[in-house]
């Protein structure tokens, strides 16, 4: 499951970068954030770094980081049986 979600978000972020260069229809940021939230954090991060995509947009970085931090907290709570 996680491999699939990460591959999908990686491909979509790469496609979004391609579309941005061509001034064509883009992938909505909320789609990328949704895929990150359901387990695609690594794929989105790799795409951001490899394609240099969305790395200078502060609002995107803030939202990405918040989702990642929430995931860390949820994993911690799950591992300590508090959820």
C-alpha atoms as a PDB file:
ATOM      1  CA  UNK A   1       0.000   0.000   0.000  1.00  0.00           C
ATOM      2  CA  UNK A   2       2.616   2.561   1.076  1.00  0.00           C
ATOM      3  CA  UNK A   3       4.844   1.774  -1.882  1.00  0.00           C
ATOM      4  CA  UNK A   4       1.904   2.296  -4.252  1.00  0.00           C
ATOM      5  CA  UNK A   5       0.876   5.635  -2.681  1.00  0.00           C
ATOM      6  CA  UNK A   6       4.457   6.904  -2.726  1.00  0.00           C
ATOM      7  CA  UNK A   7       4.940   5.953  -6.368  1.00  0.00           C
ATOM      8  CA  UNK A   8       1.675   7.674  -7.329  1.00  0.00           C
ATOM      9  CA  UNK A   9       2.457  10.924  -5.487  1.00  0.00           C
ATOM     10  CA  UNK A  10       6.007  10.924  -6.884  1.00  0.00           C
ATOM     11  CA  UNK A  11       4.697  10.563 -10.440  1.00  0.00           C
ATOM     12  CA  UNK A  12       1.992  13.190  -9.942  1.00  0.00           C
ATOM     13  CA  UNK A  13       4.439  15.705  -8.467  1.00  0.00           C
ATOM     14  CA  UNK A  14       6.812  15.105 -11.377  1.00  0.00           C
ATOM     15  CA  UNK A  15       3.952  15.529 -13.831  1.00  0.00           C
ATOM     16  CA  UNK A  16       2.904  18.732 -12.054  1.00  0.00           C
ATOM     17  CA  UNK A  17       6.429  20.098 -12.464  1.00  0.00           C
ATOM     18  CA  UNK A  18       6.331  19.189 -16.155  1.00  0.00           C
ATOM     19  CA  UNK A  19       2.955  20.896 -16.566  1.00  0.00           C
ATOM     20  CA  UNK A  20       4.196  23.978 -14.697  1.00  0.00           C
ATOM     21  CA  UNK A  21       7.060  24.385 -17.161  1.00  0.00           C
ATOM     22  CA  UNK A  22       4.612  24.206 -20.071  1.00  0.00           C
ATOM     23  CA  UNK A  23       2.034  26.533 -18.430  1.00  0.00           C
ATOM     24  CA  UNK A  24      -0.605  23.809 -18.673  1.00  0.00           C
ATOM     25  CA  UNK A  25      -3.224  22.434 -16.283  1.00  0.00           C
ATOM     26  CA  UNK A  26      -1.655  21.489 -12.962  1.00  0.00           C
ATOM     27  CA  UNK A  27      -2.249  18.889 -10.266  1.00  0.00           C
ATOM     28  CA  UNK A  28      -4.067  20.594  -7.351  1.00  0.00           C
ATOM     29  CA  UNK A  29      -1.886  20.998  -4.268  1.00  0.00           C
ATOM     30  CA  UNK A  30      -4.657  19.466  -2.167  1.00  0.00           C
ATOM     31  CA  UNK A  31      -4.315  16.262  -4.196  1.00  0.00           C
ATOM     32  CA  UNK A  32      -0.612  16.100  -3.360  1.00  0.00           C
ATOM     33  CA  UNK A  33      -1.327  16.851   0.303  1.00  0.00           C
ATOM     34  CA  UNK A  34      -4.042  14.185   0.462  1.00  0.00           C
ATOM     35  CA  UNK A  35      -1.660  11.579  -0.944  1.00  0.00           C
ATOM     36  CA  UNK A  36       1.003  12.703   1.521  1.00  0.00           C
ATOM     37  CA  UNK A  37      -1.474  12.424   4.396  1.00  0.00           C
ATOM     38  CA  UNK A  38      -2.441   8.851   3.518  1.00  0.00           C
ATOM     39  CA  UNK A  39       1.163   7.688   3.451  1.00  0.00           C
ATOM     40  CA  UNK A  40       2.934   9.320   0.518  1.00  0.00           C
ATOM     41  CA  UNK A  41       5.271  11.563   2.487  1.00  0.00           C
ATOM     42  CA  UNK A  42       8.485   9.941   1.267  1.00  0.00           C
ATOM     43  CA  UNK A  43       7.371   9.968  -2.368  1.00  0.00           C
ATOM     44  CA  UNK A  44       6.391  13.629  -2.234  1.00  0.00           C
ATOM     45  CA  UNK A  45       9.601  14.605  -0.461  1.00  0.00           C
ATOM     46  CA  UNK A  46      11.719  12.747  -3.016  1.00  0.00           C
ATOM     47  CA  UNK A  47       9.827  14.401  -5.870  1.00  0.00           C
ATOM     48  CA  UNK A  48      10.296  17.820  -4.297  1.00  0.00           C
ATOM     49  CA  UNK A  49      14.030  17.257  -3.997  1.00  0.00           C
ATOM     50  CA  UNK A  50      14.657  15.510  -7.323  1.00  0.00           C
ATOM     51  CA  UNK A  51      12.459  17.773  -9.435  1.00  0.00           C
ATOM     52  CA  UNK A  52      13.124  20.902  -7.348  1.00  0.00           C
ATOM     53  CA  UNK A  53       9.380  21.307  -7.232  1.00  0.00           C
ATOM     54  CA  UNK A  54       7.507  23.446  -4.702  1.00  0.00           C
ATOM     55  CA  UNK A  55      10.709  23.881  -2.689  1.00  0.00           C
ATOM     56  CA  UNK A  56      10.581  27.683  -2.740  1.00  0.00           C
ATOM     57  CA  UNK A  57       6.857  28.012  -2.041  1.00  0.00           C
ATOM     58  CA  UNK A  58       6.663  28.694   1.690  1.00  0.00           C
ATOM     59  CA  UNK A  59       2.983  27.843   2.102  1.00  0.00           C
ATOM     60  CA  UNK A  60       3.540  24.444   0.480  1.00  0.00           C
ATOM     61  CA  UNK A  61       6.553  23.694   2.690  1.00  0.00           C
ATOM     62  CA  UNK A  62       4.609  24.678   5.827  1.00  0.00           C
ATOM     63  CA  UNK A  63       1.648  22.437   4.945  1.00  0.00           C
ATOM     64  CA  UNK A  64       3.941  19.568   3.969  1.00  0.00           C
ATOM     65  CA  UNK A  65       5.785  19.876   7.287  1.00  0.00           C
ATOM     66  CA  UNK A  66       2.574  20.046   9.336  1.00  0.00           C
ATOM     67  CA  UNK A  67       1.237  16.870   7.741  1.00  0.00           C
ATOM     68  CA  UNK A  68       4.571  15.155   8.352  1.00  0.00           C
ATOM     69  CA  UNK A  69       4.638  16.230  12.013  1.00  0.00           C
ATOM     70  CA  UNK A  70       1.072  15.003  12.527  1.00  0.00           C
ATOM     71  CA  UNK A  71       2.098  11.658  11.050  1.00  0.00           C
ATOM     72  CA  UNK A  72       5.055  11.442  13.433  1.00  0.00           C
ATOM     73  CA  UNK A  73       2.789  12.134  16.418  1.00  0.00           C
ATOM     74  CA  UNK A  74       0.243   9.543  15.260  1.00  0.00           C
ATOM     75  CA  UNK A  75       2.931   6.895  14.777  1.00  0.00           C
ATOM     76  CA  UNK A  76       4.358   7.678  18.217  1.00  0.00           C
ATOM     77  CA  UNK A  77       0.939   7.426  19.840  1.00  0.00           C
ATOM     78  CA  UNK A  78       0.223   4.173  18.027  1.00  0.00           C
ATOM     79  CA  UNK A  79       3.572   2.701  19.073  1.00  0.00           C
ATOM     80  CA  UNK A  80       3.004   3.665  22.692  1.00  0.00           C
ATOM     81  CA  UNK A  81      -0.568   2.308  22.555  1.00  0.00           C
ATOM     82  CA  UNK A  82      -2.116   5.667  23.373  1.00  0.00           C
ATOM     83  CA  UNK A  83      -4.428   5.619  20.355  1.00  0.00           C
END
